[in-house]
């Protein structure tokens, strides 16, 4: 019974991801990035135990990513992609004054501040503008869902089935678009340019 319920949840998750990707394809890569909805507000804890909210980054474009550091597959290469986006933004002089990155774990029991410091250092994270955040697990999983990213804890309790998306939020707190972390051909320069362009919207 438990296995059947889990399969149903996974199917629902996949349908949601397919719908998201279909929207992205229909939107077209060269069209102006519109507004999807108001980005859900949050206040979470950073690596130093200080509270960081979405509102704290007002005026800056940001990429938000939901993940867990012991992920056996997609989170590692996707975080590496984020590090490359960070490098491009720094090179273009847009980080951290105009753009920031926010990585939010949904596995706070294992992703302690110490663990996340070690994890983030692998990707030469610039903490001036790359926030690694954690909070209550149930609240973060709900937050991810509110952003359109489904997270389901597997029955064994060791891993998760989850969406793998970057979410672009502008300085006014509007959710603007998604990028697939699965896309091996993701144009890093374009994502960085999108962030910079969106950061100019006042």
N, C-alpha and C. Protein backbone atom coordinates (compact mmCIF):
# COMPACT_ATOMS: atom_id res chain seq x y z
N UNK A 1 0.84 -1.21 0.00
CA UNK A 1 0.00 0.00 0.00
C UNK A 1 0.87 1.26 0.00
N UNK A 2 1.93 1.20 0.87
CA UNK A 2 2.83 2.35 0.96
C UNK A 2 3.55 2.56 -0.36
N UNK A 3 3.99 1.44 -0.99
CA UNK A 3 4.71 1.55 -2.26
C UNK A 3 3.82 2.14 -3.35
N UNK A 4 2.53 1.69 -3.38
CA UNK A 4 1.61 2.21 -4.39
C UNK A 4 1.38 3.71 -4.20
N UNK A 5 1.24 4.12 -2.95
CA UNK A 5 1.07 5.54 -2.68
C UNK A 5 2.26 6.35 -3.11
N UNK A 6 3.46 5.81 -2.88
CA UNK A 6 4.68 6.51 -3.29
C UNK A 6 4.76 6.62 -4.80
N UNK A 7 4.36 5.54 -5.51
CA UNK A 7 4.38 5.57 -6.98
C UNK A 7 3.44 6.64 -7.51
N UNK A 8 2.27 6.77 -6.88
CA UNK A 8 1.30 7.79 -7.31
C UNK A 8 1.90 9.18 -7.13
N UNK A 9 2.56 9.40 -5.99
CA UNK A 9 3.18 10.71 -5.73
C UNK A 9 4.24 11.02 -6.77
N UNK A 10 5.06 10.01 -7.12
CA UNK A 10 6.12 10.20 -8.11
C UNK A 10 5.52 10.55 -9.47
N UNK A 11 4.42 9.85 -9.84
CA UNK A 11 3.76 10.13 -11.12
C UNK A 11 3.25 11.57 -11.14
N UNK A 12 2.63 12.01 -10.04
CA UNK A 12 2.14 13.39 -9.95
C UNK A 12 3.30 14.37 -10.08
N UNK A 13 4.42 14.05 -9.43
CA UNK A 13 5.62 14.89 -9.53
C UNK A 13 6.09 15.00 -10.96
N UNK A 14 6.15 13.88 -11.66
CA UNK A 14 6.62 13.88 -13.04
C UNK A 14 5.69 14.67 -13.95
N UNK A 15 4.38 14.54 -13.73
CA UNK A 15 3.41 15.30 -14.52
C UNK A 15 3.64 16.80 -14.32
N UNK A 16 3.88 17.19 -13.07
CA UNK A 16 4.14 18.60 -12.78
C UNK A 16 5.39 19.11 -13.46
N UNK A 17 6.44 18.28 -13.47
CA UNK A 17 7.69 18.68 -14.12
C UNK A 17 7.50 18.79 -15.63
N UNK A 18 6.78 17.84 -16.21
CA UNK A 18 6.53 17.88 -17.66
C UNK A 18 5.75 19.13 -18.03
N UNK A 19 4.76 19.48 -17.21
CA UNK A 19 3.97 20.69 -17.47
C UNK A 19 4.85 21.94 -17.41
N UNK A 20 5.77 21.95 -16.45
CA UNK A 20 6.68 23.10 -16.33
C UNK A 20 7.56 23.22 -17.55
N UNK A 21 8.15 22.10 -17.98
CA UNK A 21 9.04 22.12 -19.14
C UNK A 21 8.27 22.49 -20.40
N UNK A 22 7.02 22.02 -20.51
CA UNK A 22 6.20 22.37 -21.68
C UNK A 22 5.97 23.87 -21.72
N UNK A 23 5.71 24.44 -20.58
CA UNK A 23 5.53 25.90 -20.52
C UNK A 23 6.79 26.62 -20.99
N UNK A 24 7.94 26.14 -20.54
CA UNK A 24 9.20 26.77 -20.91
C UNK A 24 9.43 26.69 -22.41
N UNK A 25 9.10 25.55 -22.99
CA UNK A 25 9.30 25.38 -24.43
C UNK A 25 8.36 26.28 -25.23
N UNK A 26 7.11 26.35 -24.78
CA UNK A 26 6.13 27.18 -25.49
C UNK A 26 6.47 28.66 -25.37
N UNK A 27 7.05 29.03 -24.23
CA UNK A 27 7.40 30.43 -24.01
C UNK A 27 8.47 30.89 -24.98
N UNK A 28 9.40 29.97 -25.30
CA UNK A 28 10.47 30.32 -26.24
C UNK A 28 11.59 31.05 -25.56
N UNK A 29 12.85 30.74 -25.93
CA UNK A 29 13.99 31.28 -25.22
C UNK A 29 14.26 32.75 -25.46
N UNK A 30 13.75 33.33 -26.56
CA UNK A 30 14.12 34.71 -26.88
C UNK A 30 13.05 35.72 -26.49
N UNK A 31 11.91 35.24 -25.99
CA UNK A 31 10.85 36.16 -25.63
C UNK A 31 11.17 36.86 -24.32
N UNK A 32 10.54 38.01 -24.12
CA UNK A 32 10.73 38.74 -22.87
C UNK A 32 10.24 37.89 -21.71
N UNK A 33 10.99 37.93 -20.62
CA UNK A 33 10.62 37.14 -19.45
C UNK A 33 9.52 37.86 -18.68
N UNK A 34 8.35 37.24 -18.62
CA UNK A 34 7.22 37.85 -17.93
C UNK A 34 7.21 37.52 -16.45
N UNK A 35 6.08 37.75 -15.81
CA UNK A 35 5.91 37.46 -14.39
C UNK A 35 4.98 36.26 -14.25
N UNK A 36 5.43 35.22 -13.54
CA UNK A 36 4.59 34.05 -13.32
C UNK A 36 3.66 34.26 -12.14
N UNK A 37 4.22 34.72 -11.02
CA UNK A 37 3.42 34.99 -9.82
C UNK A 37 4.33 35.65 -8.79
N UNK A 38 3.74 36.04 -7.68
CA UNK A 38 4.53 36.58 -6.58
C UNK A 38 5.31 35.44 -5.94
N UNK A 39 6.59 35.64 -5.73
CA UNK A 39 7.41 34.59 -5.12
C UNK A 39 7.06 34.47 -3.64
N UNK A 40 6.83 33.25 -3.15
CA UNK A 40 6.53 33.07 -1.73
C UNK A 40 7.67 33.60 -0.84
N UNK A 41 7.30 34.32 0.19
CA UNK A 41 8.28 34.88 1.13
C UNK A 41 8.81 33.77 2.04
N UNK A 42 10.00 33.94 2.56
CA UNK A 42 10.56 32.99 3.52
C UNK A 42 11.61 33.68 4.36
N UNK A 43 11.85 33.10 5.54
CA UNK A 43 12.97 33.49 6.40
C UNK A 43 13.63 32.22 6.87
N UNK A 44 14.91 32.06 6.56
CA UNK A 44 15.64 30.84 6.87
C UNK A 44 16.98 31.19 7.52
N UNK A 45 17.72 30.16 7.91
CA UNK A 45 18.98 30.35 8.63
C UNK A 45 20.16 30.15 7.70
N UNK A 46 21.13 31.06 7.76
CA UNK A 46 22.32 30.89 6.92
C UNK A 46 23.40 30.09 7.65
N UNK A 47 24.58 30.00 7.08
CA UNK A 47 25.64 29.17 7.65
C UNK A 47 26.14 29.68 8.99
N UNK A 48 25.90 30.94 9.27
CA UNK A 48 26.33 31.53 10.54
C UNK A 48 25.21 31.57 11.57
N UNK A 49 24.09 30.94 11.24
CA UNK A 49 22.97 30.92 12.18
C UNK A 49 22.13 32.18 12.18
N UNK A 50 22.37 33.07 11.23
CA UNK A 50 21.61 34.31 11.14
C UNK A 50 20.40 34.14 10.22
N UNK A 51 19.36 34.90 10.49
CA UNK A 51 18.13 34.82 9.70
C UNK A 51 18.28 35.61 8.40
N UNK A 52 17.92 34.98 7.31
CA UNK A 52 17.95 35.62 5.99
C UNK A 52 16.57 35.43 5.35
N UNK A 53 15.99 36.52 4.88
CA UNK A 53 14.68 36.44 4.24
C UNK A 53 14.80 36.79 2.77
N UNK A 54 13.77 36.44 2.02
CA UNK A 54 13.72 36.84 0.62
C UNK A 54 13.74 38.36 0.52
N UNK A 55 13.06 39.01 1.45
CA UNK A 55 13.00 40.48 1.44
C UNK A 55 14.37 41.12 1.63
N UNK A 56 15.29 40.40 2.28
CA UNK A 56 16.64 40.93 2.48
C UNK A 56 17.38 41.13 1.16
N UNK A 57 16.92 40.46 0.11
CA UNK A 57 17.58 40.57 -1.20
C UNK A 57 16.78 41.45 -2.15
N UNK A 58 15.88 42.25 -1.60
CA UNK A 58 15.07 43.16 -2.44
C UNK A 58 15.98 44.05 -3.27
N UNK A 59 15.58 44.23 -4.52
CA UNK A 59 16.37 45.04 -5.44
C UNK A 59 17.39 44.25 -6.23
N UNK A 60 17.55 42.97 -5.88
CA UNK A 60 18.51 42.12 -6.58
C UNK A 60 17.79 40.95 -7.25
N UNK A 61 18.21 40.59 -8.44
CA UNK A 61 17.70 39.38 -9.09
C UNK A 61 18.40 38.19 -8.45
N UNK A 62 17.67 37.08 -8.33
CA UNK A 62 18.26 35.93 -7.67
C UNK A 62 17.82 34.63 -8.32
N UNK A 63 18.68 33.62 -8.22
CA UNK A 63 18.32 32.25 -8.58
C UNK A 63 18.15 31.48 -7.29
N UNK A 64 17.02 30.79 -7.15
CA UNK A 64 16.74 29.97 -5.97
C UNK A 64 16.78 28.51 -6.39
N UNK A 65 17.43 27.69 -5.56
CA UNK A 65 17.57 26.26 -5.88
C UNK A 65 17.31 25.43 -4.62
N UNK A 66 16.38 24.47 -4.71
CA UNK A 66 16.08 23.55 -3.62
C UNK A 66 16.84 22.25 -3.85
N UNK A 67 17.51 21.73 -2.81
CA UNK A 67 18.42 20.60 -2.99
C UNK A 67 18.70 19.95 -1.63
N UNK A 68 19.52 18.89 -1.62
CA UNK A 68 20.13 18.39 -0.38
C UNK A 68 21.53 17.90 -0.71
N UNK A 69 22.46 18.10 0.20
CA UNK A 69 23.88 17.93 -0.13
C UNK A 69 24.32 16.49 -0.29
N UNK A 70 23.55 15.53 0.26
CA UNK A 70 23.91 14.12 0.10
C UNK A 70 23.18 13.48 -1.07
N UNK A 71 22.59 14.29 -1.91
CA UNK A 71 21.89 13.84 -3.12
C UNK A 71 22.83 12.96 -3.95
N UNK A 72 22.37 11.77 -4.35
CA UNK A 72 23.25 10.86 -5.09
C UNK A 72 23.37 11.16 -6.57
N UNK A 73 22.60 12.12 -7.09
CA UNK A 73 22.67 12.34 -8.55
C UNK A 73 22.63 13.81 -8.94
N UNK A 74 21.45 14.43 -9.08
CA UNK A 74 21.36 15.70 -9.79
C UNK A 74 21.87 16.92 -9.03
N UNK A 75 21.81 16.91 -7.71
CA UNK A 75 22.14 18.12 -6.95
C UNK A 75 23.61 18.53 -7.09
N UNK A 76 24.49 17.54 -7.21
CA UNK A 76 25.92 17.85 -7.30
C UNK A 76 26.26 18.57 -8.61
N UNK A 77 25.92 17.99 -9.78
CA UNK A 77 26.22 18.72 -11.01
C UNK A 77 25.45 20.03 -11.15
N UNK A 78 24.24 20.09 -10.58
CA UNK A 78 23.47 21.32 -10.67
C UNK A 78 24.10 22.42 -9.82
N UNK A 79 24.62 22.06 -8.65
CA UNK A 79 25.32 23.05 -7.83
C UNK A 79 26.60 23.51 -8.53
N UNK A 80 27.24 22.60 -9.24
CA UNK A 80 28.42 23.00 -10.03
C UNK A 80 28.01 24.01 -11.10
N UNK A 81 26.86 23.79 -11.73
CA UNK A 81 26.35 24.75 -12.71
C UNK A 81 26.13 26.11 -12.05
N UNK A 82 25.58 26.12 -10.85
CA UNK A 82 25.40 27.37 -10.12
C UNK A 82 26.73 28.08 -9.89
N UNK A 83 27.76 27.29 -9.58
CA UNK A 83 29.08 27.90 -9.35
C UNK A 83 29.60 28.56 -10.62
N UNK A 84 29.30 27.95 -11.78
CA UNK A 84 29.73 28.56 -13.04
C UNK A 84 28.93 29.84 -13.33
N UNK A 85 27.65 29.83 -12.98
CA UNK A 85 26.84 31.05 -13.13
C UNK A 85 27.40 32.15 -12.22
N UNK A 86 27.76 31.77 -10.99
CA UNK A 86 28.37 32.74 -10.08
C UNK A 86 29.62 33.35 -10.71
N UNK A 87 30.48 32.52 -11.30
CA UNK A 87 31.72 33.01 -11.90
C UNK A 87 31.45 34.01 -13.02
N UNK A 88 30.45 33.71 -13.85
CA UNK A 88 30.12 34.62 -14.96
C UNK A 88 29.59 35.95 -14.41
N UNK A 89 28.74 35.87 -13.39
CA UNK A 89 28.18 37.09 -12.80
C UNK A 89 29.28 37.95 -12.18
N UNK A 90 30.26 37.31 -11.54
CA UNK A 90 31.38 38.05 -10.96
C UNK A 90 32.18 38.72 -12.07
N UNK A 91 32.43 37.97 -13.14
CA UNK A 91 33.20 38.50 -14.27
C UNK A 91 32.50 39.71 -14.90
N UNK A 92 31.16 39.68 -14.89
CA UNK A 92 30.39 40.77 -15.49
C UNK A 92 30.14 41.92 -14.51
N UNK A 93 30.67 41.78 -13.30
CA UNK A 93 30.53 42.85 -12.31
C UNK A 93 29.14 42.98 -11.71
N UNK A 94 28.35 41.90 -11.75
CA UNK A 94 26.96 41.97 -11.28
C UNK A 94 26.72 41.23 -9.97
N UNK A 95 27.76 40.65 -9.41
CA UNK A 95 27.60 39.81 -8.20
C UNK A 95 28.52 40.35 -7.12
N UNK A 96 28.03 40.62 -5.92
CA UNK A 96 26.69 40.37 -5.40
C UNK A 96 25.80 41.61 -5.33
N UNK A 97 26.22 42.72 -5.90
CA UNK A 97 25.47 43.96 -5.75
C UNK A 97 24.14 43.96 -6.50
N UNK A 98 24.09 43.24 -7.62
CA UNK A 98 22.88 43.23 -8.44
C UNK A 98 22.19 41.87 -8.49
N UNK A 99 22.96 40.81 -8.26
CA UNK A 99 22.43 39.45 -8.36
C UNK A 99 22.96 38.59 -7.22
N UNK A 100 22.16 37.61 -6.80
CA UNK A 100 22.58 36.67 -5.76
C UNK A 100 22.05 35.28 -6.08
N UNK A 101 22.59 34.28 -5.38
CA UNK A 101 22.14 32.90 -5.48
C UNK A 101 21.68 32.44 -4.11
N UNK A 102 20.63 31.60 -4.08
CA UNK A 102 20.09 31.10 -2.82
C UNK A 102 19.85 29.60 -2.94
N UNK A 103 20.67 28.80 -2.24
CA UNK A 103 20.52 27.35 -2.23
C UNK A 103 19.86 26.95 -0.92
N UNK A 104 18.71 26.28 -1.00
CA UNK A 104 17.90 25.97 0.18
C UNK A 104 17.80 24.45 0.33
N UNK A 105 18.33 23.92 1.43
CA UNK A 105 18.26 22.48 1.66
C UNK A 105 16.92 22.09 2.28
N UNK A 106 16.40 20.93 1.86
CA UNK A 106 15.19 20.39 2.49
C UNK A 106 15.54 19.18 3.36
N UNK A 107 16.84 19.03 3.71
CA UNK A 107 17.30 17.93 4.56
C UNK A 107 18.14 18.51 5.72
N UNK A 108 17.53 19.32 6.59
CA UNK A 108 18.30 20.03 7.61
C UNK A 108 18.95 19.14 8.66
N UNK A 109 18.41 17.94 8.88
CA UNK A 109 19.01 17.06 9.88
C UNK A 109 20.43 16.66 9.49
N UNK A 110 20.61 16.32 8.22
CA UNK A 110 21.96 15.97 7.75
C UNK A 110 22.73 17.20 7.28
N UNK A 111 22.02 18.16 6.73
CA UNK A 111 22.68 19.37 6.24
C UNK A 111 22.82 20.39 7.37
N UNK A 112 23.72 20.07 8.28
CA UNK A 112 24.05 20.98 9.37
C UNK A 112 24.86 22.16 8.82
N UNK A 113 25.00 23.24 9.57
CA UNK A 113 25.84 24.34 9.10
C UNK A 113 27.26 23.89 8.76
N UNK A 114 27.81 23.00 9.58
CA UNK A 114 29.17 22.51 9.33
C UNK A 114 29.23 21.73 8.02
N UNK A 115 28.24 20.88 7.82
CA UNK A 115 28.18 20.09 6.59
C UNK A 115 28.04 21.01 5.37
N UNK A 116 27.20 22.01 5.47
CA UNK A 116 26.97 22.90 4.33
C UNK A 116 28.18 23.79 4.05
N UNK A 117 28.93 24.15 5.09
CA UNK A 117 30.16 24.91 4.85
C UNK A 117 31.14 24.08 4.04
N UNK A 118 31.28 22.82 4.44
CA UNK A 118 32.19 21.94 3.70
C UNK A 118 31.71 21.73 2.28
N UNK A 119 30.40 21.54 2.11
CA UNK A 119 29.81 21.32 0.80
C UNK A 119 29.99 22.55 -0.09
N UNK A 120 29.68 23.72 0.44
CA UNK A 120 29.73 24.94 -0.36
C UNK A 120 31.15 25.31 -0.76
N UNK A 121 32.11 24.98 0.08
CA UNK A 121 33.50 25.32 -0.24
C UNK A 121 34.03 24.53 -1.43
N UNK A 122 33.42 23.39 -1.71
CA UNK A 122 33.82 22.62 -2.90
C UNK A 122 33.55 23.42 -4.18
N UNK A 123 32.60 24.32 -4.11
CA UNK A 123 32.16 25.07 -5.29
C UNK A 123 32.61 26.53 -5.22
N UNK A 124 33.66 26.77 -4.41
CA UNK A 124 34.22 28.12 -4.19
C UNK A 124 33.12 29.17 -4.11
N UNK A 125 32.13 28.88 -3.26
CA UNK A 125 31.00 29.80 -3.10
C UNK A 125 31.47 31.13 -2.50
N UNK A 126 31.03 32.21 -3.09
CA UNK A 126 31.29 33.55 -2.58
C UNK A 126 30.13 33.91 -1.66
N UNK A 127 30.35 33.84 -0.35
CA UNK A 127 29.26 34.01 0.61
C UNK A 127 28.70 35.43 0.65
N UNK A 128 29.34 36.37 -0.03
CA UNK A 128 28.77 37.71 -0.09
C UNK A 128 27.43 37.70 -0.83
N UNK A 129 27.27 36.72 -1.74
CA UNK A 129 26.05 36.71 -2.53
C UNK A 129 25.52 35.33 -2.85
N UNK A 130 26.15 34.29 -2.28
CA UNK A 130 25.61 32.94 -2.45
C UNK A 130 25.22 32.44 -1.07
N UNK A 131 23.92 32.39 -0.82
CA UNK A 131 23.39 32.01 0.49
C UNK A 131 23.04 30.53 0.51
N UNK A 132 23.56 29.82 1.51
CA UNK A 132 23.18 28.43 1.75
C UNK A 132 22.29 28.43 2.98
N UNK A 133 21.00 28.08 2.77
CA UNK A 133 19.98 28.28 3.79
C UNK A 133 19.35 26.97 4.23
N UNK A 134 18.88 26.95 5.47
CA UNK A 134 18.23 25.76 6.03
C UNK A 134 17.12 26.22 6.98
N UNK A 135 16.17 25.30 7.22
CA UNK A 135 15.08 25.61 8.12
C UNK A 135 14.32 24.34 8.46
N UNK A 136 13.17 24.48 9.07
CA UNK A 136 12.32 23.33 9.40
C UNK A 136 11.99 22.55 8.13
N UNK A 137 12.18 21.23 8.18
CA UNK A 137 12.03 20.43 6.96
C UNK A 137 10.64 20.53 6.35
N UNK A 138 9.60 20.35 7.16
CA UNK A 138 8.24 20.40 6.62
C UNK A 138 7.94 21.75 5.99
N UNK A 139 8.42 22.81 6.62
CA UNK A 139 8.17 24.15 6.09
C UNK A 139 8.92 24.39 4.78
N UNK A 140 10.15 23.86 4.70
CA UNK A 140 10.93 24.04 3.47
C UNK A 140 10.32 23.23 2.33
N UNK A 141 9.88 22.01 2.62
CA UNK A 141 9.25 21.19 1.57
C UNK A 141 7.98 21.87 1.07
N UNK A 142 7.21 22.46 1.98
CA UNK A 142 6.02 23.22 1.56
C UNK A 142 6.42 24.45 0.75
N UNK A 143 7.49 25.12 1.18
CA UNK A 143 7.97 26.29 0.45
C UNK A 143 8.37 25.91 -0.96
N UNK A 144 9.09 24.80 -1.10
CA UNK A 144 9.48 24.33 -2.43
C UNK A 144 8.25 24.09 -3.29
N UNK A 145 7.23 23.44 -2.71
CA UNK A 145 6.00 23.18 -3.44
C UNK A 145 5.33 24.49 -3.86
N UNK A 146 5.34 25.48 -2.98
CA UNK A 146 4.75 26.78 -3.31
C UNK A 146 5.48 27.45 -4.48
N UNK A 147 6.76 27.12 -4.64
CA UNK A 147 7.54 27.64 -5.77
C UNK A 147 7.39 26.77 -7.02
N UNK A 148 6.66 25.65 -6.89
CA UNK A 148 6.46 24.76 -8.03
C UNK A 148 7.46 23.64 -8.12
N UNK A 149 8.20 23.41 -7.03
CA UNK A 149 9.20 22.33 -6.99
C UNK A 149 8.72 21.27 -6.01
N UNK A 150 8.35 20.11 -6.53
CA UNK A 150 7.86 19.04 -5.67
C UNK A 150 9.02 18.30 -5.02
N UNK A 151 8.87 17.99 -3.72
CA UNK A 151 9.87 17.23 -2.97
C UNK A 151 9.14 16.13 -2.21
N UNK A 152 9.55 14.88 -2.42
CA UNK A 152 8.92 13.74 -1.77
C UNK A 152 10.01 12.90 -1.11
N UNK A 153 9.88 12.68 0.19
CA UNK A 153 10.83 11.84 0.90
C UNK A 153 10.56 10.38 0.58
N UNK A 154 11.59 9.67 0.14
CA UNK A 154 11.41 8.27 -0.22
C UNK A 154 11.09 7.43 1.01
N UNK A 155 10.38 6.30 0.84
CA UNK A 155 9.94 5.49 1.98
C UNK A 155 11.07 5.07 2.90
N UNK A 156 12.26 4.81 2.34
CA UNK A 156 13.39 4.39 3.17
C UNK A 156 13.94 5.50 4.03
N UNK A 157 13.61 6.74 3.68
CA UNK A 157 14.03 7.87 4.49
C UNK A 157 15.43 8.36 4.24
N UNK A 158 16.15 7.77 3.27
CA UNK A 158 17.53 8.16 3.04
C UNK A 158 17.69 9.18 1.91
N UNK A 159 16.71 9.25 1.04
CA UNK A 159 16.85 10.16 -0.10
C UNK A 159 15.50 10.78 -0.45
N UNK A 160 15.46 11.53 -1.53
CA UNK A 160 14.25 12.26 -1.92
C UNK A 160 14.07 12.19 -3.42
N UNK A 161 12.82 12.19 -3.84
CA UNK A 161 12.49 12.43 -5.24
C UNK A 161 12.07 13.89 -5.33
N UNK A 162 12.73 14.64 -6.21
CA UNK A 162 12.46 16.08 -6.20
C UNK A 162 12.68 16.70 -7.57
N UNK A 163 12.02 17.83 -7.78
CA UNK A 163 12.25 18.60 -8.99
C UNK A 163 13.63 19.23 -8.95
N UNK A 164 14.17 19.51 -10.13
CA UNK A 164 15.53 20.05 -10.22
C UNK A 164 15.51 21.31 -11.09
N UNK A 165 15.09 22.40 -10.47
CA UNK A 165 14.90 23.65 -11.21
C UNK A 165 15.61 24.82 -10.53
N UNK A 166 16.11 25.74 -11.35
CA UNK A 166 16.51 27.05 -10.87
C UNK A 166 15.30 27.96 -11.02
N UNK A 167 15.03 28.80 -10.03
CA UNK A 167 13.91 29.72 -10.11
C UNK A 167 14.45 31.15 -10.10
N UNK A 168 14.09 31.93 -11.11
CA UNK A 168 14.56 33.31 -11.20
C UNK A 168 13.51 34.23 -10.58
N UNK A 169 13.93 34.94 -9.54
CA UNK A 169 13.06 35.89 -8.84
C UNK A 169 13.67 37.28 -8.98
N UNK A 170 12.85 38.26 -9.31
CA UNK A 170 13.39 39.60 -9.52
C UNK A 170 13.48 40.39 -8.21
N UNK A 171 13.97 41.61 -8.32
CA UNK A 171 14.19 42.43 -7.13
C UNK A 171 12.92 42.87 -6.44
N UNK A 172 11.78 42.78 -7.13
CA UNK A 172 10.49 43.14 -6.54
C UNK A 172 9.80 41.94 -5.91
N UNK A 173 10.44 40.77 -5.99
CA UNK A 173 9.86 39.58 -5.38
C UNK A 173 8.90 38.84 -6.27
N UNK A 174 9.01 39.03 -7.58
CA UNK A 174 8.17 38.29 -8.53
C UNK A 174 8.94 37.11 -9.11
N UNK A 175 8.28 35.97 -9.18
CA UNK A 175 8.86 34.79 -9.83
C UNK A 175 8.73 34.97 -11.33
N UNK A 176 9.86 34.94 -12.03
CA UNK A 176 9.85 35.28 -13.45
C UNK A 176 9.93 34.08 -14.38
N UNK A 177 10.79 33.11 -14.07
CA UNK A 177 10.91 31.95 -14.95
C UNK A 177 11.66 30.83 -14.24
N UNK A 178 11.72 29.68 -14.92
CA UNK A 178 12.44 28.50 -14.43
C UNK A 178 13.51 28.11 -15.44
N UNK A 179 14.56 27.45 -14.94
CA UNK A 179 15.54 26.79 -15.81
C UNK A 179 15.70 25.36 -15.30
N UNK A 180 15.83 24.42 -16.20
CA UNK A 180 15.97 23.03 -15.82
C UNK A 180 17.41 22.71 -15.44
N UNK A 181 17.60 22.17 -14.25
CA UNK A 181 18.92 21.72 -13.83
C UNK A 181 19.36 20.47 -14.56
N UNK A 182 18.42 19.82 -15.26
CA UNK A 182 18.75 18.62 -16.04
C UNK A 182 19.31 18.96 -17.42
N UNK A 183 19.19 20.20 -17.82
CA UNK A 183 19.56 20.60 -19.18
C UNK A 183 21.07 20.65 -19.33
N UNK A 184 21.64 19.65 -20.01
CA UNK A 184 23.09 19.60 -20.20
C UNK A 184 23.57 20.70 -21.13
N UNK A 185 22.66 21.26 -21.91
CA UNK A 185 23.02 22.33 -22.86
C UNK A 185 22.60 23.71 -22.36
N UNK A 186 22.35 23.80 -21.06
CA UNK A 186 21.96 25.09 -20.50
C UNK A 186 23.02 26.14 -20.79
N UNK A 187 22.59 27.26 -21.33
CA UNK A 187 23.50 28.35 -21.70
C UNK A 187 23.78 29.20 -20.46
N UNK A 188 24.93 28.97 -19.83
CA UNK A 188 25.28 29.66 -18.60
C UNK A 188 25.32 31.17 -18.81
N UNK A 189 25.89 31.58 -19.92
CA UNK A 189 25.99 33.02 -20.22
C UNK A 189 24.60 33.65 -20.31
N UNK A 190 23.66 32.93 -20.95
CA UNK A 190 22.30 33.48 -21.10
C UNK A 190 21.61 33.59 -19.75
N UNK A 191 21.78 32.57 -18.90
CA UNK A 191 21.16 32.64 -17.58
C UNK A 191 21.71 33.85 -16.82
N UNK A 192 23.03 34.03 -16.88
CA UNK A 192 23.64 35.19 -16.21
C UNK A 192 23.11 36.50 -16.80
N UNK A 193 23.00 36.54 -18.12
CA UNK A 193 22.49 37.76 -18.77
C UNK A 193 21.03 38.01 -18.40
N UNK A 194 20.24 36.92 -18.27
CA UNK A 194 18.85 37.07 -17.83
C UNK A 194 18.79 37.70 -16.43
N UNK A 195 19.65 37.20 -15.55
CA UNK A 195 19.69 37.74 -14.19
C UNK A 195 20.04 39.23 -14.20
N UNK A 196 21.06 39.57 -14.98
CA UNK A 196 21.49 40.96 -15.05
C UNK A 196 20.39 41.84 -15.62
N UNK A 197 19.73 41.35 -16.68
CA UNK A 197 18.65 42.13 -17.30
C UNK A 197 17.49 42.32 -16.32
N UNK A 198 17.12 41.24 -15.63
CA UNK A 198 16.01 41.32 -14.68
C UNK A 198 16.36 42.25 -13.52
N UNK A 199 17.65 42.28 -13.15
CA UNK A 199 18.06 43.14 -12.03
C UNK A 199 17.84 44.62 -12.33
N UNK A 200 17.68 44.95 -13.61
CA UNK A 200 17.46 46.35 -14.01
C UNK A 200 16.00 46.75 -13.90
N UNK A 201 15.10 45.76 -13.74
CA UNK A 201 13.67 46.06 -13.62
C UNK A 201 13.40 46.67 -12.25
N UNK A 202 12.88 47.85 -12.23
CA UNK A 202 12.61 48.53 -10.97
C UNK A 202 11.11 48.78 -10.80
